[in-house]
Amino acid sequence: MQNSVPDGSGTPQPIEVAAVVLYRPNGEVLTVRKAGTSMFMFPGGKHQPGEAALDTALRELAEETGLSVPPQDLEHLGAWETPAANEDGHQLHSEVFALLRPLARNEVPTPDAEIEELVWMDPAAPQAPAGQGIAPLLLAVFDQLRNRRPF
């Protein structure tokens, strides 16, 4: 998917996405890998037309993990500009949200929709399973999370 700037110059615009950081009580963070890809990333995805970033984050979280959380339980961590993990040559503009609490025992994420695998990672020492990678956005956000208490 390549977007052009409004002036028609053909310069690619960043792909706009929203993502969600979910914590376990021990501080590990949920990451997902989409089918047919080799990069782990946060649950999230592209906006639908006219959709606000928070709405995208909530929709994608439910679609990809089966988890529904109230919007007031999410905190906006910030925005990041990084290379896209699965679309070579493209940049991402990512609005990232975090759940303000650890997941409850009854909140168990499952790989739904296009998600093939879930892995919990330590932001201080992220490691993907052998043969897999870690998305640039995940690493950038983990840099910020290392110096922050999750809740």
N, C-alpha and C. Protein backbone atom coordinates (compact mmCIF):
# COMPACT_ATOMS: atom_id res chain seq x y z
N MET A 1 0.85 -1.18 0.00
CA MET A 1 0.00 0.00 0.00
C MET A 1 0.89 1.24 0.00
N GLN A 2 0.78 2.05 -0.99
CA GLN A 2 1.56 3.28 -1.03
C GLN A 2 0.60 4.43 -1.20
N ASN A 3 0.71 5.38 -0.30
CA ASN A 3 -0.12 6.58 -0.37
C ASN A 3 0.72 7.70 -0.96
N SER A 4 0.09 8.59 -1.70
CA SER A 4 0.78 9.75 -2.24
C SER A 4 0.41 10.97 -1.43
N VAL A 5 1.30 11.93 -1.41
CA VAL A 5 0.99 13.18 -0.73
C VAL A 5 -0.10 13.89 -1.51
N PRO A 6 -0.89 14.72 -0.83
CA PRO A 6 -2.01 15.39 -1.51
C PRO A 6 -1.61 16.20 -2.73
N ASP A 7 -0.38 16.70 -2.79
CA ASP A 7 0.00 17.51 -3.95
C ASP A 7 0.33 16.66 -5.17
N GLY A 8 0.23 15.33 -5.03
CA GLY A 8 0.46 14.45 -6.16
C GLY A 8 1.92 14.21 -6.48
N SER A 9 2.82 14.56 -5.59
CA SER A 9 4.25 14.41 -5.88
C SER A 9 4.68 12.96 -5.90
N GLY A 10 3.86 12.06 -5.36
CA GLY A 10 4.22 10.64 -5.36
C GLY A 10 5.09 10.24 -4.20
N THR A 11 5.47 11.17 -3.33
CA THR A 11 6.27 10.82 -2.16
C THR A 11 5.40 10.01 -1.20
N PRO A 12 5.86 8.82 -0.81
CA PRO A 12 5.03 8.00 0.07
C PRO A 12 4.75 8.66 1.41
N GLN A 13 3.50 8.60 1.81
CA GLN A 13 3.10 9.05 3.14
C GLN A 13 3.29 7.88 4.10
N PRO A 14 3.54 8.15 5.37
CA PRO A 14 3.64 7.05 6.33
C PRO A 14 2.31 6.28 6.41
N ILE A 15 2.42 5.01 6.67
CA ILE A 15 1.24 4.18 6.93
C ILE A 15 0.82 4.48 8.36
N GLU A 16 -0.43 4.83 8.56
CA GLU A 16 -0.90 5.20 9.89
C GLU A 16 -1.53 4.00 10.59
N VAL A 17 -1.02 3.73 11.79
CA VAL A 17 -1.50 2.59 12.57
C VAL A 17 -1.68 2.99 14.02
N ALA A 18 -2.38 2.13 14.75
CA ALA A 18 -2.49 2.25 16.21
C ALA A 18 -2.14 0.90 16.80
N ALA A 19 -1.49 0.91 17.96
CA ALA A 19 -1.05 -0.32 18.60
C ALA A 19 -1.31 -0.24 20.10
N VAL A 20 -1.34 -1.43 20.73
CA VAL A 20 -1.65 -1.51 22.16
C VAL A 20 -0.58 -2.32 22.88
N VAL A 21 -0.12 -1.78 24.02
CA VAL A 21 0.81 -2.46 24.90
C VAL A 21 0.00 -3.08 26.04
N LEU A 22 0.11 -4.40 26.18
CA LEU A 22 -0.55 -5.13 27.26
C LEU A 22 0.51 -5.76 28.15
N TYR A 23 0.35 -5.61 29.45
CA TYR A 23 1.32 -6.12 30.42
C TYR A 23 0.78 -7.32 31.18
N ARG A 24 1.69 -8.21 31.56
CA ARG A 24 1.44 -9.21 32.59
C ARG A 24 1.87 -8.57 33.91
N PRO A 25 1.42 -9.11 35.05
CA PRO A 25 1.86 -8.56 36.34
C PRO A 25 3.38 -8.54 36.49
N ASN A 26 4.11 -9.45 35.84
CA ASN A 26 5.57 -9.48 35.95
C ASN A 26 6.27 -8.48 35.04
N GLY A 27 5.50 -7.68 34.29
CA GLY A 27 6.07 -6.65 33.42
C GLY A 27 6.29 -7.07 31.99
N GLU A 28 6.11 -8.36 31.67
CA GLU A 28 6.25 -8.79 30.29
C GLU A 28 5.14 -8.17 29.44
N VAL A 29 5.43 -7.99 28.15
CA VAL A 29 4.51 -7.33 27.23
C VAL A 29 4.13 -8.31 26.11
N LEU A 30 2.85 -8.28 25.75
CA LEU A 30 2.36 -9.15 24.68
C LEU A 30 2.82 -8.66 23.32
N THR A 31 3.32 -9.60 22.52
CA THR A 31 3.65 -9.32 21.12
C THR A 31 2.95 -10.35 20.25
N VAL A 32 2.72 -10.00 19.00
CA VAL A 32 2.02 -10.88 18.07
C VAL A 32 2.82 -10.98 16.77
N ARG A 33 2.62 -12.10 16.07
CA ARG A 33 3.20 -12.25 14.73
C ARG A 33 2.07 -12.64 13.79
N LYS A 34 1.93 -11.87 12.73
CA LYS A 34 0.88 -12.12 11.75
C LYS A 34 1.30 -13.28 10.84
N ALA A 35 0.31 -14.04 10.38
CA ALA A 35 0.56 -15.15 9.47
C ALA A 35 1.33 -14.67 8.25
N GLY A 36 2.30 -15.46 7.83
CA GLY A 36 3.08 -15.14 6.64
C GLY A 36 4.15 -14.09 6.85
N THR A 37 4.39 -13.70 8.10
CA THR A 37 5.43 -12.71 8.40
C THR A 37 6.41 -13.30 9.42
N SER A 38 7.52 -12.61 9.63
CA SER A 38 8.53 -13.10 10.58
C SER A 38 8.82 -12.11 11.69
N MET A 39 8.06 -11.02 11.78
CA MET A 39 8.31 -9.99 12.78
C MET A 39 7.25 -9.98 13.88
N PHE A 40 7.72 -9.88 15.12
CA PHE A 40 6.80 -9.71 16.24
C PHE A 40 6.56 -8.22 16.46
N MET A 41 5.34 -7.89 16.82
CA MET A 41 4.93 -6.50 17.00
C MET A 41 3.83 -6.44 18.05
N PHE A 42 3.39 -5.24 18.36
CA PHE A 42 2.25 -5.07 19.26
C PHE A 42 0.96 -5.40 18.52
N PRO A 43 -0.08 -5.84 19.24
CA PRO A 43 -1.38 -5.94 18.59
C PRO A 43 -1.77 -4.55 18.08
N GLY A 44 -2.33 -4.50 16.89
CA GLY A 44 -2.72 -3.22 16.32
C GLY A 44 -2.81 -3.31 14.82
N GLY A 45 -3.06 -2.18 14.19
CA GLY A 45 -3.15 -2.18 12.74
C GLY A 45 -3.57 -0.84 12.17
N LYS A 46 -3.92 -0.89 10.91
CA LYS A 46 -4.25 0.32 10.15
C LYS A 46 -5.64 0.84 10.48
N HIS A 47 -5.77 2.13 10.37
CA HIS A 47 -7.06 2.79 10.58
C HIS A 47 -8.02 2.48 9.44
N GLN A 48 -9.30 2.36 9.77
CA GLN A 48 -10.34 2.34 8.76
C GLN A 48 -10.67 3.81 8.46
N PRO A 49 -11.26 4.10 7.31
CA PRO A 49 -11.57 5.49 6.97
C PRO A 49 -12.36 6.19 8.08
N GLY A 50 -11.85 7.36 8.49
CA GLY A 50 -12.52 8.17 9.50
C GLY A 50 -12.39 7.68 10.93
N GLU A 51 -11.62 6.63 11.15
CA GLU A 51 -11.49 6.04 12.48
C GLU A 51 -10.40 6.74 13.29
N ALA A 52 -10.71 7.08 14.52
CA ALA A 52 -9.73 7.69 15.42
C ALA A 52 -8.74 6.63 15.89
N ALA A 53 -7.55 7.07 16.28
CA ALA A 53 -6.49 6.14 16.70
C ALA A 53 -6.94 5.24 17.85
N LEU A 54 -7.60 5.79 18.85
CA LEU A 54 -8.05 4.99 19.99
C LEU A 54 -9.04 3.92 19.53
N ASP A 55 -9.95 4.29 18.64
CA ASP A 55 -10.92 3.32 18.12
C ASP A 55 -10.23 2.21 17.33
N THR A 56 -9.22 2.58 16.56
CA THR A 56 -8.44 1.58 15.82
C THR A 56 -7.77 0.63 16.80
N ALA A 57 -7.15 1.18 17.83
CA ALA A 57 -6.46 0.35 18.82
C ALA A 57 -7.41 -0.66 19.47
N LEU A 58 -8.57 -0.20 19.88
CA LEU A 58 -9.55 -1.07 20.52
C LEU A 58 -10.07 -2.14 19.55
N ARG A 59 -10.37 -1.74 18.32
CA ARG A 59 -10.88 -2.70 17.33
C ARG A 59 -9.83 -3.76 17.00
N GLU A 60 -8.62 -3.32 16.73
CA GLU A 60 -7.55 -4.25 16.37
C GLU A 60 -7.22 -5.20 17.53
N LEU A 61 -7.20 -4.67 18.74
CA LEU A 61 -6.94 -5.52 19.91
C LEU A 61 -7.98 -6.64 19.99
N ALA A 62 -9.25 -6.30 19.83
CA ALA A 62 -10.32 -7.30 19.89
C ALA A 62 -10.20 -8.30 18.73
N GLU A 63 -9.92 -7.79 17.53
CA GLU A 63 -9.82 -8.68 16.37
C GLU A 63 -8.64 -9.63 16.48
N GLU A 64 -7.50 -9.15 16.96
CA GLU A 64 -6.28 -9.95 16.95
C GLU A 64 -6.08 -10.83 18.18
N THR A 65 -6.67 -10.44 19.31
CA THR A 65 -6.43 -11.20 20.55
C THR A 65 -7.70 -11.67 21.23
N GLY A 66 -8.86 -11.21 20.77
CA GLY A 66 -10.11 -11.56 21.41
C GLY A 66 -10.38 -10.78 22.68
N LEU A 67 -9.53 -9.81 23.01
CA LEU A 67 -9.69 -9.03 24.24
C LEU A 67 -10.41 -7.72 23.97
N SER A 68 -11.41 -7.43 24.79
CA SER A 68 -12.10 -6.15 24.73
C SER A 68 -11.84 -5.42 26.04
N VAL A 69 -11.35 -4.20 25.94
CA VAL A 69 -11.11 -3.39 27.14
C VAL A 69 -11.83 -2.07 26.98
N PRO A 70 -12.26 -1.48 28.09
CA PRO A 70 -12.91 -0.17 28.00
C PRO A 70 -11.90 0.89 27.56
N PRO A 71 -12.33 1.86 26.75
CA PRO A 71 -11.40 2.89 26.28
C PRO A 71 -10.73 3.65 27.41
N GLN A 72 -11.43 3.83 28.53
CA GLN A 72 -10.83 4.58 29.65
C GLN A 72 -9.71 3.80 30.33
N ASP A 73 -9.54 2.52 30.01
CA ASP A 73 -8.44 1.73 30.57
C ASP A 73 -7.15 1.88 29.78
N LEU A 74 -7.20 2.61 28.66
CA LEU A 74 -6.01 2.81 27.85
C LEU A 74 -5.44 4.21 28.03
N GLU A 75 -4.13 4.27 28.07
CA GLU A 75 -3.39 5.53 28.16
C GLU A 75 -2.61 5.71 26.85
N HIS A 76 -2.61 6.92 26.32
CA HIS A 76 -1.83 7.22 25.11
C HIS A 76 -0.37 7.39 25.50
N LEU A 77 0.49 6.49 25.00
CA LEU A 77 1.93 6.58 25.32
C LEU A 77 2.64 7.59 24.44
N GLY A 78 2.16 7.75 23.21
CA GLY A 78 2.80 8.69 22.30
C GLY A 78 2.72 8.21 20.86
N ALA A 79 3.43 8.93 20.01
CA ALA A 79 3.48 8.61 18.58
C ALA A 79 4.93 8.35 18.18
N TRP A 80 5.11 7.41 17.29
CA TRP A 80 6.44 7.05 16.81
C TRP A 80 6.45 7.00 15.30
N GLU A 81 7.57 7.37 14.71
CA GLU A 81 7.83 7.23 13.28
C GLU A 81 8.95 6.20 13.15
N THR A 82 8.65 5.07 12.52
CA THR A 82 9.62 3.99 12.37
C THR A 82 9.46 3.34 11.00
N PRO A 83 10.47 2.58 10.57
CA PRO A 83 10.27 1.79 9.36
C PRO A 83 9.16 0.75 9.58
N ALA A 84 8.42 0.46 8.53
CA ALA A 84 7.38 -0.58 8.61
C ALA A 84 8.05 -1.94 8.69
N ALA A 85 7.49 -2.83 9.49
CA ALA A 85 8.08 -4.15 9.66
C ALA A 85 7.82 -5.07 8.47
N ASN A 86 6.65 -4.98 7.89
CA ASN A 86 6.26 -5.94 6.86
C ASN A 86 6.02 -5.33 5.49
N GLU A 87 6.31 -4.05 5.34
CA GLU A 87 6.12 -3.38 4.06
C GLU A 87 7.39 -2.61 3.73
N ASP A 88 8.32 -3.30 3.07
CA ASP A 88 9.63 -2.74 2.77
C ASP A 88 9.54 -1.37 2.12
N GLY A 89 10.42 -0.48 2.58
CA GLY A 89 10.51 0.86 2.01
C GLY A 89 9.47 1.83 2.51
N HIS A 90 8.60 1.42 3.40
CA HIS A 90 7.56 2.29 3.92
C HIS A 90 7.84 2.66 5.36
N GLN A 91 7.35 3.80 5.75
CA GLN A 91 7.45 4.28 7.12
C GLN A 91 6.09 4.13 7.80
N LEU A 92 6.11 3.99 9.12
CA LEU A 92 4.89 3.96 9.93
C LEU A 92 4.79 5.22 10.75
N HIS A 93 3.58 5.69 10.92
CA HIS A 93 3.26 6.66 11.96
C HIS A 93 2.35 5.89 12.91
N SER A 94 2.84 5.63 14.12
CA SER A 94 2.11 4.78 15.07
C SER A 94 1.70 5.55 16.30
N GLU A 95 0.42 5.48 16.61
CA GLU A 95 -0.11 5.99 17.88
C GLU A 95 -0.19 4.77 18.80
N VAL A 96 0.52 4.83 19.91
CA VAL A 96 0.62 3.67 20.79
C VAL A 96 -0.08 3.94 22.11
N PHE A 97 -0.89 2.99 22.52
CA PHE A 97 -1.66 3.05 23.76
C PHE A 97 -1.22 1.90 24.66
N ALA A 98 -1.37 2.08 25.98
CA ALA A 98 -1.05 1.03 26.93
C ALA A 98 -2.22 0.82 27.87
N LEU A 99 -2.46 -0.44 28.21
CA LEU A 99 -3.45 -0.75 29.21
C LEU A 99 -2.90 -0.29 30.56
N LEU A 100 -3.70 0.44 31.33
CA LEU A 100 -3.25 1.04 32.58
C LEU A 100 -3.11 0.04 33.73
N ARG A 101 -3.39 -1.22 33.45
CA ARG A 101 -3.34 -2.25 34.48
C ARG A 101 -2.86 -3.54 33.85
N PRO A 102 -2.36 -4.47 34.66
CA PRO A 102 -2.01 -5.77 34.06
C PRO A 102 -3.29 -6.51 33.67
N LEU A 103 -3.15 -7.43 32.77
CA LEU A 103 -4.30 -8.25 32.39
C LEU A 103 -4.78 -9.06 33.58
N ALA A 104 -6.08 -9.18 33.73
CA ALA A 104 -6.66 -10.01 34.78
C ALA A 104 -6.53 -11.48 34.40
N ARG A 105 -6.65 -12.35 35.38
CA ARG A 105 -6.52 -13.79 35.11
C ARG A 105 -7.51 -14.28 34.08
N ASN A 106 -8.69 -13.68 34.03
CA ASN A 106 -9.70 -14.11 33.07
C ASN A 106 -9.53 -13.46 31.70
N GLU A 107 -8.57 -12.56 31.55
CA GLU A 107 -8.30 -11.91 30.27
C GLU A 107 -7.12 -12.63 29.61
N VAL A 108 -7.45 -13.63 28.81
CA VAL A 108 -6.42 -14.45 28.18
C VAL A 108 -6.43 -14.19 26.68
N PRO A 109 -5.37 -13.56 26.16
CA PRO A 109 -5.33 -13.30 24.72
C PRO A 109 -5.19 -14.60 23.93
N THR A 110 -5.86 -14.65 22.80
CA THR A 110 -5.74 -15.78 21.88
C THR A 110 -5.42 -15.25 20.49
N PRO A 111 -4.65 -16.00 19.71
CA PRO A 111 -4.34 -15.53 18.36
C PRO A 111 -5.55 -15.65 17.44
N ASP A 112 -6.16 -14.52 17.12
CA ASP A 112 -7.34 -14.48 16.26
C ASP A 112 -7.01 -13.74 14.97
N ALA A 113 -7.96 -13.72 14.05
CA ALA A 113 -7.83 -13.05 12.75
C ALA A 113 -6.55 -13.52 12.07
N GLU A 114 -5.68 -12.60 11.70
CA GLU A 114 -4.46 -12.95 10.96
C GLU A 114 -3.28 -13.30 11.86
N ILE A 115 -3.49 -13.34 13.16
CA ILE A 115 -2.39 -13.60 14.10
C ILE A 115 -2.08 -15.08 14.16
N GLU A 116 -0.81 -15.40 13.97
CA GLU A 116 -0.35 -16.79 14.00
C GLU A 116 0.26 -17.16 15.34
N GLU A 117 0.87 -16.19 16.02
CA GLU A 117 1.61 -16.52 17.24
C GLU A 117 1.61 -15.35 18.21
N LEU A 118 1.51 -15.67 19.50
CA LEU A 118 1.63 -14.69 20.59
C LEU A 118 2.87 -15.03 21.39
N VAL A 119 3.64 -14.01 21.77
CA VAL A 119 4.82 -14.20 22.61
C VAL A 119 4.88 -13.06 23.62
N TRP A 120 5.13 -13.39 24.88
CA TRP A 120 5.34 -12.38 25.91
C TRP A 120 6.82 -12.05 25.96
N MET A 121 7.16 -10.77 25.92
CA MET A 121 8.57 -10.34 25.92
C MET A 121 8.84 -9.40 27.08
N ASP A 122 10.07 -9.46 27.55
CA ASP A 122 10.56 -8.55 28.57
C ASP A 122 11.08 -7.30 27.85
N PRO A 123 10.51 -6.12 28.12
CA PRO A 123 10.99 -4.91 27.43
C PRO A 123 12.47 -4.63 27.67
N ALA A 124 13.02 -5.10 28.78
CA ALA A 124 14.43 -4.86 29.08
C ALA A 124 15.36 -5.78 28.29
N ALA A 125 14.84 -6.90 27.82
CA ALA A 125 15.66 -7.86 27.07
C ALA A 125 14.78 -8.61 26.07
N PRO A 126 14.26 -7.91 25.06
CA PRO A 126 13.34 -8.57 24.12
C PRO A 126 14.05 -9.63 23.28
N GLN A 127 13.41 -10.79 23.18
CA GLN A 127 13.93 -11.86 22.34
C GLN A 127 12.78 -12.51 21.61
N ALA A 128 12.92 -12.64 20.30
CA ALA A 128 11.93 -13.34 19.49
C ALA A 128 12.35 -14.80 19.38
N PRO A 129 11.40 -15.69 19.14
CA PRO A 129 11.75 -17.08 18.90
C PRO A 129 12.73 -17.20 17.74
N ALA A 130 13.51 -18.27 17.72
CA ALA A 130 14.51 -18.49 16.68
C ALA A 130 13.90 -18.33 15.30
N GLY A 131 14.62 -17.62 14.44
CA GLY A 131 14.20 -17.41 13.07
C GLY A 131 13.20 -16.28 12.87
N GLN A 132 12.83 -15.62 13.94
CA GLN A 132 11.86 -14.53 13.87
C GLN A 132 12.56 -13.21 14.24
N GLY A 133 11.92 -12.09 13.93
CA GLY A 133 12.48 -10.78 14.23
C GLY A 133 11.55 -9.96 15.11
N ILE A 134 12.02 -8.76 15.42
CA ILE A 134 11.25 -7.83 16.24
C ILE A 134 11.06 -6.54 15.44
N ALA A 135 9.82 -6.09 15.33
CA ALA A 135 9.50 -4.90 14.55
C ALA A 135 10.19 -3.66 15.10
N PRO A 136 10.60 -2.74 14.23
CA PRO A 136 11.24 -1.51 14.70
C PRO A 136 10.40 -0.72 15.71
N LEU A 137 9.08 -0.67 15.52
CA LEU A 137 8.23 0.05 16.48
C LEU A 137 8.32 -0.58 17.86
N LEU A 138 8.30 -1.89 17.92
CA LEU A 138 8.37 -2.59 19.20
C LEU A 138 9.65 -2.20 19.94
N LEU A 139 10.77 -2.22 19.23
CA LEU A 139 12.04 -1.86 19.86
C LEU A 139 12.05 -0.41 20.32
N ALA A 140 11.49 0.49 19.51
CA ALA A 140 11.46 1.91 19.87
C ALA A 140 10.62 2.14 21.13
N VAL A 141 9.46 1.50 21.21
CA VAL A 141 8.60 1.67 22.38
C VAL A 141 9.23 1.00 23.60
N PHE A 142 9.83 -0.17 23.41
CA PHE A 142 10.51 -0.84 24.53
C PHE A 142 11.59 0.05 25.13
N ASP A 143 12.28 0.84 24.29
CA ASP A 143 13.29 1.78 24.82
C ASP A 143 12.65 2.72 25.84
N GLN A 144 11.45 3.19 25.57
CA GLN A 144 10.76 4.08 26.50
C GLN A 144 10.26 3.31 27.72
N LEU A 145 9.76 2.11 27.51
CA LEU A 145 9.17 1.33 28.61
C LEU A 145 10.20 0.87 29.64
N ARG A 146 11.44 0.74 29.23
CA ARG A 146 12.48 0.28 30.17
C ARG A 146 12.61 1.21 31.38
N ASN A 147 12.33 2.48 31.19
CA ASN A 147 12.50 3.48 32.25
C ASN A 147 11.17 3.87 32.89
N ARG A 148 10.19 3.03 32.74
CA ARG A 148 8.84 3.38 33.22
C ARG A 148 8.21 2.18 33.91
N ARG A 149 7.58 2.45 35.02
CA ARG A 149 6.80 1.38 35.66
C ARG A 149 5.55 1.18 34.83
N PRO A 150 5.16 -0.08 34.55
CA PRO A 150 4.01 -0.29 33.69
C PRO A 150 2.69 0.21 34.27
N PHE A 151 2.52 0.19 35.62
CA PHE A 151 1.26 0.63 36.22
C PHE A 151 1.51 0.98 37.67
